[in-house]
Amino acid sequence: MAFDGTRQMYNVDLSCAKCGTHISQLPFEPKGDRPVYCFECNKAYRQDRPSDRGPRAPRQMYSVNVACAQCGTQITELPFQPSGDKPVYCRDCMMARRNS
């Protein structure tokens, strides 16, 4: 999914499982076996829910010296240790591959 500000919306004719508000569009295709909540009820739930996970720890980065398998750009840092059996792509090439 591209994070360019546009998001596919699905036209639905549902009611919020908590407050009964009519819902006409959702950013996902609802499944028949799961309740659907309006924006306000969903937002309130997320704010009221205690976060048991806490803040996310910083991601471990690995110093490497490899070339991008697609464009040849030198890569000096990765969020994983490459195993050598799979191609490694720079950030730009990886994003282009995801969006294609």
PDB file of N, CA and C in Angstrom:
ATOM      1  N   MET A   1       0.834  -1.164   0.000  1.00  0.00           N
ATOM      2  CA  MET A   1       0.000   0.000   0.000  1.00  0.00           C
ATOM      3  C   MET A   1       0.883   1.234   0.000  1.00  0.00           C
ATOM      4  N   ALA A   2       0.574   2.151  -0.834  1.00  0.00           N
ATOM      5  CA  ALA A   2       1.345   3.390  -0.928  1.00  0.00           C
ATOM      6  C   ALA A   2       0.847   4.380   0.118  1.00  0.00           C
ATOM      7  N   PHE A   3       1.754   5.088   0.753  1.00  0.00           N
ATOM      8  CA  PHE A   3       1.394   6.075   1.762  1.00  0.00           C
ATOM      9  C   PHE A   3       1.530   7.466   1.169  1.00  0.00           C
ATOM     10  N   ASP A   4       0.775   7.717   0.123  1.00  0.00           N
ATOM     11  CA  ASP A   4       0.861   9.001  -0.559  1.00  0.00           C
ATOM     12  C   ASP A   4      -0.325   9.904  -0.241  1.00  0.00           C
ATOM     13  N   GLY A   5      -1.085   9.596   0.816  1.00  0.00           N
ATOM     14  CA  GLY A   5      -2.211  10.426   1.190  1.00  0.00           C
ATOM     15  C   GLY A   5      -3.529   9.943   0.624  1.00  0.00           C
ATOM     16  N   THR A   6      -3.493   9.069  -0.362  1.00  0.00           N
ATOM     17  CA  THR A   6      -4.729   8.524  -0.903  1.00  0.00           C
ATOM     18  C   THR A   6      -4.919   7.129  -0.330  1.00  0.00           C
ATOM     19  N   ARG A   7      -6.150   6.810  -0.061  1.00  0.00           N
ATOM     20  CA  ARG A   7      -6.445   5.505   0.497  1.00  0.00           C
ATOM     21  C   ARG A   7      -7.740   5.012  -0.124  1.00  0.00           C
ATOM     22  N   GLN A   8      -7.754   3.776  -0.538  1.00  0.00           N
ATOM     23  CA  GLN A   8      -8.960   3.221  -1.133  1.00  0.00           C
ATOM     24  C   GLN A   8     -10.040   3.154  -0.067  1.00  0.00           C
ATOM     25  N   MET A   9     -11.212   3.640  -0.402  1.00  0.00           N
ATOM     26  CA  MET A   9     -12.349   3.594   0.510  1.00  0.00           C
ATOM     27  C   MET A   9     -13.399   2.652  -0.067  1.00  0.00           C
ATOM     28  N   TYR A  10     -14.082   1.940   0.811  1.00  0.00           N
ATOM     29  CA  TYR A  10     -15.118   1.004   0.410  1.00  0.00           C
ATOM     30  C   TYR A  10     -16.477   1.570   0.818  1.00  0.00           C
ATOM     31  N   ASN A  11     -17.405   1.606  -0.117  1.00  0.00           N
ATOM     32  CA  ASN A  11     -18.762   2.055   0.171  1.00  0.00           C
ATOM     33  C   ASN A  11     -19.497   0.925   0.882  1.00  0.00           C
ATOM     34  N   VAL A  12     -20.076   1.250   2.042  1.00  0.00           N
ATOM     35  CA  VAL A  12     -20.794   0.257   2.846  1.00  0.00           C
ATOM     36  C   VAL A  12     -22.095   0.871   3.341  1.00  0.00           C
ATOM     37  N   ASP A  13     -22.967   0.062   3.849  1.00  0.00           N
ATOM     38  CA  ASP A  13     -24.207   0.510   4.462  1.00  0.00           C
ATOM     39  C   ASP A  13     -24.325  -0.236   5.787  1.00  0.00           C
ATOM     40  N   LEU A  14     -23.611   0.270   6.818  1.00  0.00           N
ATOM     41  CA  LEU A  14     -23.523  -0.402   8.105  1.00  0.00           C
ATOM     42  C   LEU A  14     -23.831   0.564   9.241  1.00  0.00           C
ATOM     43  N   SER A  15     -23.999   0.004  10.435  1.00  0.00           N
ATOM     44  CA  SER A  15     -24.162   0.809  11.638  1.00  0.00           C
ATOM     45  C   SER A  15     -23.046   0.465  12.601  1.00  0.00           C
ATOM     46  N   CYS A  16     -22.572   1.472  13.351  1.00  0.00           N
ATOM     47  CA  CYS A  16     -21.526   1.270  14.346  1.00  0.00           C
ATOM     48  C   CYS A  16     -22.031   0.266  15.379  1.00  0.00           C
ATOM     49  N   ALA A  17     -21.202  -0.710  15.727  1.00  0.00           N
ATOM     50  CA  ALA A  17     -21.573  -1.749  16.679  1.00  0.00           C
ATOM     51  C   ALA A  17     -21.709  -1.202  18.095  1.00  0.00           C
ATOM     52  N   LYS A  18     -21.190   0.001  18.361  1.00  0.00           N
ATOM     53  CA  LYS A  18     -21.269   0.560  19.710  1.00  0.00           C
ATOM     54  C   LYS A  18     -22.368   1.606  19.845  1.00  0.00           C
ATOM     55  N   CYS A  19     -22.386   2.604  18.942  1.00  0.00           N
ATOM     56  CA  CYS A  19     -23.328   3.719  19.103  1.00  0.00           C
ATOM     57  C   CYS A  19     -24.456   3.721  18.078  1.00  0.00           C
ATOM     58  N   GLY A  20     -24.374   2.894  17.050  1.00  0.00           N
ATOM     59  CA  GLY A  20     -25.429   2.807  16.054  1.00  0.00           C
ATOM     60  C   GLY A  20     -25.350   3.829  14.930  1.00  0.00           C
ATOM     61  N   THR A  21     -24.328   4.694  14.918  1.00  0.00           N
ATOM     62  CA  THR A  21     -24.161   5.687  13.863  1.00  0.00           C
ATOM     63  C   THR A  21     -24.040   5.001  12.506  1.00  0.00           C
ATOM     64  N   HIS A  22     -24.674   5.586  11.490  1.00  0.00           N
ATOM     65  CA  HIS A  22     -24.596   5.033  10.135  1.00  0.00           C
ATOM     66  C   HIS A  22     -23.184   5.224   9.584  1.00  0.00           C
ATOM     67  N   ILE A  23     -22.646   4.193   8.964  1.00  0.00           N
ATOM     68  CA  ILE A  23     -21.316   4.224   8.344  1.00  0.00           C
ATOM     69  C   ILE A  23     -21.508   3.980   6.854  1.00  0.00           C
ATOM     70  N   SER A  24     -21.026   4.926   6.038  1.00  0.00           N
ATOM     71  CA  SER A  24     -21.191   4.782   4.596  1.00  0.00           C
ATOM     72  C   SER A  24     -19.889   4.460   3.873  1.00  0.00           C
ATOM     73  N   GLN A  25     -18.732   4.751   4.509  1.00  0.00           N
ATOM     74  CA  GLN A  25     -17.440   4.428   3.896  1.00  0.00           C
ATOM     75  C   GLN A  25     -16.463   3.953   4.958  1.00  0.00           C
ATOM     76  N   LEU A  26     -15.631   3.011   4.549  1.00  0.00           N
ATOM     77  CA  LEU A  26     -14.584   2.477   5.428  1.00  0.00           C
ATOM     78  C   LEU A  26     -13.290   2.351   4.637  1.00  0.00           C
ATOM     79  N   PRO A  27     -12.130   2.452   5.319  1.00  0.00           N
ATOM     80  CA  PRO A  27     -10.852   2.293   4.628  1.00  0.00           C
ATOM     81  C   PRO A  27     -10.448   0.826   4.478  1.00  0.00           C
ATOM     82  N   PHE A  28     -11.379  -0.083   4.746  1.00  0.00           N
ATOM     83  CA  PHE A  28     -11.123  -1.515   4.592  1.00  0.00           C
ATOM     84  C   PHE A  28     -12.433  -2.189   4.206  1.00  0.00           C
ATOM     85  N   GLU A  29     -12.326  -3.382   3.680  1.00  0.00           N
ATOM     86  CA  GLU A  29     -13.517  -4.143   3.329  1.00  0.00           C
ATOM     87  C   GLU A  29     -13.921  -4.969   4.550  1.00  0.00           C
ATOM     88  N   PRO A  30     -15.085  -4.684   5.131  1.00  0.00           N
ATOM     89  CA  PRO A  30     -15.453  -5.368   6.373  1.00  0.00           C
ATOM     90  C   PRO A  30     -15.748  -6.846   6.152  1.00  0.00           C
ATOM     91  N   LYS A  31     -15.450  -7.618   7.174  1.00  0.00           N
ATOM     92  CA  LYS A  31     -15.760  -9.044   7.172  1.00  0.00           C
ATOM     93  C   LYS A  31     -17.086  -9.203   7.916  1.00  0.00           C
ATOM     94  N   GLY A  32     -17.905 -10.100   7.493  1.00  0.00           N
ATOM     95  CA  GLY A  32     -19.226 -10.274   8.080  1.00  0.00           C
ATOM     96  C   GLY A  32     -19.222 -10.724   9.519  1.00  0.00           C
ATOM     97  N   ASP A  33     -18.146 -11.360   9.986  1.00  0.00           N
ATOM     98  CA  ASP A  33     -18.121 -11.924  11.334  1.00  0.00           C
ATOM     99  C   ASP A  33     -17.491 -11.000  12.379  1.00  0.00           C
ATOM    100  N   ARG A  34     -17.127  -9.767  11.999  1.00  0.00           N
ATOM    101  CA  ARG A  34     -16.471  -8.852  12.944  1.00  0.00           C
ATOM    102  C   ARG A  34     -17.259  -7.555  13.042  1.00  0.00           C
ATOM    103  N   PRO A  35     -17.387  -7.006  14.264  1.00  0.00           N
ATOM    104  CA  PRO A  35     -18.105  -5.741  14.418  1.00  0.00           C
ATOM    105  C   PRO A  35     -17.324  -4.591  13.788  1.00  0.00           C
ATOM    106  N   VAL A  36     -18.054  -3.574  13.351  1.00  0.00           N
ATOM    107  CA  VAL A  36     -17.457  -2.389  12.742  1.00  0.00           C
ATOM    108  C   VAL A  36     -17.847  -1.190  13.593  1.00  0.00           C
ATOM    109  N   TYR A  37     -16.877  -0.297  13.848  1.00  0.00           N
ATOM    110  CA  TYR A  37     -17.105   0.868  14.688  1.00  0.00           C
ATOM    111  C   TYR A  37     -16.899   2.147  13.881  1.00  0.00           C
ATOM    112  N   CYS A  38     -17.653   3.176  14.228  1.00  0.00           N
ATOM    113  CA  CYS A  38     -17.494   4.469  13.570  1.00  0.00           C
ATOM    114  C   CYS A  38     -16.165   5.092  13.989  1.00  0.00           C
ATOM    115  N   PHE A  39     -15.767   6.142  13.312  1.00  0.00           N
ATOM    116  CA  PHE A  39     -14.498   6.809  13.587  1.00  0.00           C
ATOM    117  C   PHE A  39     -14.406   7.251  15.044  1.00  0.00           C
ATOM    118  N   GLU A  40     -15.463   7.877  15.558  1.00  0.00           N
ATOM    119  CA  GLU A  40     -15.431   8.403  16.929  1.00  0.00           C
ATOM    120  C   GLU A  40     -15.313   7.295  17.973  1.00  0.00           C
ATOM    121  N   CYS A  41     -16.067   6.213  17.829  1.00  0.00           N
ATOM    122  CA  CYS A  41     -15.981   5.104  18.787  1.00  0.00           C
ATOM    123  C   CYS A  41     -14.623   4.410  18.714  1.00  0.00           C
ATOM    124  N   ASN A  42     -14.102   4.264  17.512  1.00  0.00           N
ATOM    125  CA  ASN A  42     -12.787   3.649  17.338  1.00  0.00           C
ATOM    126  C   ASN A  42     -11.699   4.524  17.966  1.00  0.00           C
ATOM    127  N   LYS A  43     -11.795   5.836  17.760  1.00  0.00           N
ATOM    128  CA  LYS A  43     -10.832   6.770  18.327  1.00  0.00           C
ATOM    129  C   LYS A  43     -10.883   6.737  19.854  1.00  0.00           C
ATOM    130  N   ALA A  44     -12.086   6.748  20.431  1.00  0.00           N
ATOM    131  CA  ALA A  44     -12.236   6.698  21.885  1.00  0.00           C
ATOM    132  C   ALA A  44     -11.669   5.402  22.454  1.00  0.00           C
ATOM    133  N   TYR A  45     -11.887   4.298  21.763  1.00  0.00           N
ATOM    134  CA  TYR A  45     -11.354   3.012  22.206  1.00  0.00           C
ATOM    135  C   TYR A  45      -9.832   3.035  22.250  1.00  0.00           C
ATOM    136  N   ARG A  46      -9.222   3.562  21.206  1.00  0.00           N
ATOM    137  CA  ARG A  46      -7.756   3.616  21.151  1.00  0.00           C
ATOM    138  C   ARG A  46      -7.189   4.516  22.233  1.00  0.00           C
ATOM    139  N   GLN A  47      -7.878   5.620  22.560  1.00  0.00           N
ATOM    140  CA  GLN A  47      -7.383   6.547  23.584  1.00  0.00           C
ATOM    141  C   GLN A  47      -7.568   5.977  24.988  1.00  0.00           C
ATOM    142  N   ASP A  48      -8.653   5.239  25.205  1.00  0.00           N
ATOM    143  CA  ASP A  48      -8.962   4.710  26.540  1.00  0.00           C
ATOM    144  C   ASP A  48      -8.218   3.424  26.862  1.00  0.00           C
ATOM    145  N   ARG A  49      -7.767   2.732  25.829  1.00  0.00           N
ATOM    146  CA  ARG A  49      -7.109   1.440  26.025  1.00  0.00           C
ATOM    147  C   ARG A  49      -5.726   1.634  26.634  1.00  0.00           C
ATOM    148  N   PRO A  50      -5.444   0.952  27.732  1.00  0.00           N
ATOM    149  CA  PRO A  50      -4.097   1.065  28.293  1.00  0.00           C
ATOM    150  C   PRO A  50      -3.083   0.405  27.363  1.00  0.00           C
ATOM    151  N   SER A  51      -1.992   1.079  27.153  1.00  0.00           N
ATOM    152  CA  SER A  51      -0.956   0.541  26.280  1.00  0.00           C
ATOM    153  C   SER A  51      -0.018  -0.318  27.114  1.00  0.00           C
ATOM    154  N   ASP A  52      -0.085  -1.613  26.901  1.00  0.00           N
ATOM    155  CA  ASP A  52       0.776  -2.529  27.649  1.00  0.00           C
ATOM    156  C   ASP A  52       2.119  -2.721  26.965  1.00  0.00           C
ATOM    157  N   ARG A  53       2.247  -2.176  25.761  1.00  0.00           N
ATOM    158  CA  ARG A  53       3.499  -2.357  25.023  1.00  0.00           C
ATOM    159  C   ARG A  53       4.526  -1.301  25.376  1.00  0.00           C
ATOM    160  N   GLY A  54       4.098  -0.123  25.754  1.00  0.00           N
ATOM    161  CA  GLY A  54       5.030   0.958  26.046  1.00  0.00           C
ATOM    162  C   GLY A  54       5.641   1.494  24.773  1.00  0.00           C
ATOM    163  N   PRO A  55       6.612   2.383  24.909  1.00  0.00           N
ATOM    164  CA  PRO A  55       7.240   2.962  23.716  1.00  0.00           C
ATOM    165  C   PRO A  55       8.068   1.919  22.981  1.00  0.00           C
ATOM    166  N   ARG A  56       8.140   2.079  21.684  1.00  0.00           N
ATOM    167  CA  ARG A  56       8.897   1.151  20.850  1.00  0.00           C
ATOM    168  C   ARG A  56      10.389   1.397  21.031  1.00  0.00           C
ATOM    169  N   ALA A  57      11.122   0.320  21.192  1.00  0.00           N
ATOM    170  CA  ALA A  57      12.573   0.414  21.342  1.00  0.00           C
ATOM    171  C   ALA A  57      13.191   0.816  20.003  1.00  0.00           C
ATOM    172  N   PRO A  58      14.304   1.541  20.036  1.00  0.00           N
ATOM    173  CA  PRO A  58      14.957   1.899  18.778  1.00  0.00           C
ATOM    174  C   PRO A  58      15.396   0.630  18.041  1.00  0.00           C
ATOM    175  N   ARG A  59      15.290   0.690  16.741  1.00  0.00           N
ATOM    176  CA  ARG A  59      15.624  -0.463  15.920  1.00  0.00           C
ATOM    177  C   ARG A  59      17.133  -0.634  15.836  1.00  0.00           C
ATOM    178  N   GLN A  60      17.580  -1.866  15.969  1.00  0.00           N
ATOM    179  CA  GLN A  60      19.006  -2.141  15.857  1.00  0.00           C
ATOM    180  C   GLN A  60      19.418  -2.038  14.395  1.00  0.00           C
ATOM    181  N   MET A  61      20.478  -1.314  14.136  1.00  0.00           N
ATOM    182  CA  MET A  61      20.987  -1.160  12.775  1.00  0.00           C
ATOM    183  C   MET A  61      22.330  -1.883  12.672  1.00  0.00           C
ATOM    184  N   TYR A  62      22.596  -2.421  11.491  1.00  0.00           N
ATOM    185  CA  TYR A  62      23.828  -3.157  11.248  1.00  0.00           C
ATOM    186  C   TYR A  62      24.673  -2.411  10.222  1.00  0.00           C
ATOM    187  N   SER A  63      25.954  -2.275  10.508  1.00  0.00           N
ATOM    188  CA  SER A  63      26.880  -1.663   9.558  1.00  0.00           C
ATOM    189  C   SER A  63      27.251  -2.709   8.516  1.00  0.00           C
ATOM    190  N   VAL A  64      27.069  -2.349   7.254  1.00  0.00           N
ATOM    191  CA  VAL A  64      27.360  -3.264   6.149  1.00  0.00           C
ATOM    192  C   VAL A  64      28.092  -2.508   5.062  1.00  0.00           C
ATOM    193  N   ASN A  65      28.598  -3.222   4.105  1.00  0.00           N
ATOM    194  CA  ASN A  65      29.225  -2.628   2.940  1.00  0.00           C
ATOM    195  C   ASN A  65      28.822  -3.466   1.733  1.00  0.00           C
ATOM    196  N   VAL A  66      27.579  -3.206   1.231  1.00  0.00           N
ATOM    197  CA  VAL A  66      27.053  -3.957   0.092  1.00  0.00           C
ATOM    198  C   VAL A  66      26.497  -2.989  -0.942  1.00  0.00           C
ATOM    199  N   ALA A  67      26.362  -3.474  -2.163  1.00  0.00           N
ATOM    200  CA  ALA A  67      25.774  -2.675  -3.238  1.00  0.00           C
ATOM    201  C   ALA A  67      24.335  -3.117  -3.454  1.00  0.00           C
ATOM    202  N   CYS A  68      23.468  -2.157  -3.751  1.00  0.00           N
ATOM    203  CA  CYS A  68      22.062  -2.442  -4.061  1.00  0.00           C
ATOM    204  C   CYS A  68      22.023  -3.393  -5.251  1.00  0.00           C
ATOM    205  N   ALA A  69      21.223  -4.441  -5.156  1.00  0.00           N
ATOM    206  CA  ALA A  69      21.125  -5.437  -6.217  1.00  0.00           C
ATOM    207  C   ALA A  69      20.475  -4.887  -7.476  1.00  0.00           C
ATOM    208  N   GLN A  70      19.790  -3.751  -7.371  1.00  0.00           N
ATOM    209  CA  GLN A  70      19.117  -3.201  -8.544  1.00  0.00           C
ATOM    210  C   GLN A  70      19.882  -2.036  -9.168  1.00  0.00           C
ATOM    211  N   CYS A  71      20.274  -1.037  -8.362  1.00  0.00           N
ATOM    212  CA  CYS A  71      20.886   0.163  -8.947  1.00  0.00           C
ATOM    213  C   CYS A  71      22.382   0.293  -8.662  1.00  0.00           C
ATOM    214  N   GLY A  72      22.915  -0.522  -7.750  1.00  0.00           N
ATOM    215  CA  GLY A  72      24.338  -0.492  -7.459  1.00  0.00           C
ATOM    216  C   GLY A  72      24.756   0.519  -6.402  1.00  0.00           C
ATOM    217  N   THR A  73      23.823   1.292  -5.850  1.00  0.00           N
ATOM    218  CA  THR A  73      24.149   2.261  -4.798  1.00  0.00           C
ATOM    219  C   THR A  73      24.777   1.542  -3.610  1.00  0.00           C
ATOM    220  N   GLN A  74      25.794   2.141  -3.041  1.00  0.00           N
ATOM    221  CA  GLN A  74      26.462   1.551  -1.886  1.00  0.00           C
ATOM    222  C   GLN A  74      25.578   1.690  -0.651  1.00  0.00           C
ATOM    223  N   ILE A  75      25.399   0.608   0.082  1.00  0.00           N
ATOM    224  CA  ILE A  75      24.584   0.579   1.295  1.00  0.00           C
ATOM    225  C   ILE A  75      25.528   0.365   2.467  1.00  0.00           C
ATOM    226  N   THR A  76      25.436   1.242   3.474  1.00  0.00           N
ATOM    227  CA  THR A  76      26.339   1.156   4.621  1.00  0.00           C
ATOM    228  C   THR A  76      25.630   0.775   5.911  1.00  0.00           C
ATOM    229  N   GLU A  77      24.288   0.830   5.921  1.00  0.00           N
ATOM    230  CA  GLU A  77      23.553   0.520   7.145  1.00  0.00           C
ATOM    231  C   GLU A  77      22.214  -0.113   6.787  1.00  0.00           C
ATOM    232  N   LEU A  78      21.872  -1.187   7.503  1.00  0.00           N
ATOM    233  CA  LEU A  78      20.612  -1.896   7.280  1.00  0.00           C
ATOM    234  C   LEU A  78      19.975  -2.237   8.626  1.00  0.00           C
ATOM    235  N   PRO A  79      18.624  -2.387   8.662  1.00  0.00           N
ATOM    236  CA  PRO A  79      17.955  -2.773   9.902  1.00  0.00           C
ATOM    237  C   PRO A  79      17.971  -4.294  10.118  1.00  0.00           C
ATOM    238  N   PHE A  80      18.765  -5.010   9.339  1.00  0.00           N
ATOM    239  CA  PHE A  80      18.909  -6.459   9.488  1.00  0.00           C
ATOM    240  C   PHE A  80      20.302  -6.845   9.030  1.00  0.00           C
ATOM    241  N   GLN A  81      20.733  -8.008   9.445  1.00  0.00           N
ATOM    242  CA  GLN A  81      22.033  -8.539   9.027  1.00  0.00           C
ATOM    243  C   GLN A  81      21.797  -9.371   7.774  1.00  0.00           C
ATOM    244  N   PRO A  82      22.294  -8.950   6.607  1.00  0.00           N
ATOM    245  CA  PRO A  82      22.047  -9.728   5.389  1.00  0.00           C
ATOM    246  C   PRO A  82      22.711 -11.096   5.478  1.00  0.00           C
ATOM    247  N   SER A  83      22.006 -12.102   4.948  1.00  0.00           N
ATOM    248  CA  SER A  83      22.515 -13.469   5.027  1.00  0.00           C
ATOM    249  C   SER A  83      23.370 -13.839   3.825  1.00  0.00           C
ATOM    250  N   GLY A  84      23.269 -13.058   2.758  1.00  0.00           N
ATOM    251  CA  GLY A  84      24.073 -13.337   1.578  1.00  0.00           C
ATOM    252  C   GLY A  84      23.370 -14.185   0.548  1.00  0.00           C
ATOM    253  N   ASP A  85      22.262 -14.822   0.915  1.00  0.00           N
ATOM    254  CA  ASP A  85      21.555 -15.671  -0.044  1.00  0.00           C
ATOM    255  C   ASP A  85      20.378 -14.967  -0.725  1.00  0.00           C
ATOM    256  N   LYS A  86      20.091 -13.725  -0.333  1.00  0.00           N
ATOM    257  CA  LYS A  86      19.014 -12.952  -0.949  1.00  0.00           C
ATOM    258  C   LYS A  86      19.552 -11.590  -1.369  1.00  0.00           C
ATOM    259  N   PRO A  87      18.968 -10.997  -2.418  1.00  0.00           N
ATOM    260  CA  PRO A  87      19.425  -9.675  -2.843  1.00  0.00           C
ATOM    261  C   PRO A  87      19.067  -8.611  -1.808  1.00  0.00           C
ATOM    262  N   VAL A  88      19.904  -7.579  -1.729  1.00  0.00           N
ATOM    263  CA  VAL A  88      19.681  -6.460  -0.822  1.00  0.00           C
ATOM    264  C   VAL A  88      19.464  -5.222  -1.679  1.00  0.00           C
ATOM    265  N   TYR A  89      18.425  -4.440  -1.338  1.00  0.00           N
ATOM    266  CA  TYR A  89      18.074  -3.257  -2.101  1.00  0.00           C
ATOM    267  C   TYR A  89      18.192  -2.004  -1.240  1.00  0.00           C
ATOM    268  N   CYS A  90      18.567  -0.892  -1.881  1.00  0.00           N
ATOM    269  CA  CYS A  90      18.590   0.391  -1.184  1.00  0.00           C
ATOM    270  C   CYS A  90      17.150   0.807  -0.895  1.00  0.00           C
ATOM    271  N   ARG A  91      16.965   1.821  -0.083  1.00  0.00           N
ATOM    272  CA  ARG A  91      15.631   2.269   0.315  1.00  0.00           C
ATOM    273  C   ARG A  91      14.769   2.640  -0.891  1.00  0.00           C
ATOM    274  N   ASP A  92      15.328   3.393  -1.837  1.00  0.00           N
ATOM    275  CA  ASP A  92      14.556   3.822  -3.012  1.00  0.00           C
ATOM    276  C   ASP A  92      14.108   2.632  -3.857  1.00  0.00           C
ATOM    277  N   CYS A  93      15.016   1.702  -4.104  1.00  0.00           N
ATOM    278  CA  CYS A  93      14.662   0.536  -4.917  1.00  0.00           C
ATOM    279  C   CYS A  93      13.669  -0.368  -4.184  1.00  0.00           C
ATOM    280  N   MET A  94      13.819  -0.503  -2.874  1.00  0.00           N
ATOM    281  CA  MET A  94      12.893  -1.325  -2.100  1.00  0.00           C
ATOM    282  C   MET A  94      11.487  -0.724  -2.139  1.00  0.00           C
ATOM    283  N   MET A  95      11.372   0.600  -1.997  1.00  0.00           N
ATOM    284  CA  MET A  95      10.068   1.260  -2.051  1.00  0.00           C
ATOM    285  C   MET A  95       9.446   1.114  -3.441  1.00  0.00           C
ATOM    286  N   ALA A  96      10.263   1.241  -4.485  1.00  0.00           N
ATOM    287  CA  ALA A  96       9.762   1.089  -5.856  1.00  0.00           C
ATOM    288  C   ALA A  96       9.252  -0.342  -6.083  1.00  0.00           C
ATOM    289  N   ARG A  97       9.947  -1.324  -5.527  1.00  0.00           N
ATOM    290  CA  ARG A  97       9.528  -2.719  -5.667  1.00  0.00           C
ATOM    291  C   ARG A  97       8.208  -2.965  -4.927  1.00  0.00           C
ATOM    292  N   ARG A  98       8.047  -2.373  -3.755  1.00  0.00           N
ATOM    293  CA  ARG A  98       6.809  -2.533  -2.984  1.00  0.00           C
ATOM    294  C   ARG A  98       5.621  -1.922  -3.689  1.00  0.00           C
ATOM    295  N   ASN A  99       5.836  -0.795  -4.365  1.00  0.00           N
ATOM    296  CA  ASN A  99       4.737  -0.073  -5.003  1.00  0.00           C
ATOM    297  C   ASN A  99       4.420  -0.570  -6.404  1.00  0.00           C
ATOM    298  N   SER A 100       5.177  -1.544  -6.899  1.00  0.00           N
ATOM    299  CA  SER A 100       4.910  -2.028  -8.265  1.00  0.00           C
ATOM    300  C   SER A 100       4.069  -3.274  -8.253  1.00  0.00           C
TER     301      SER A 100
END
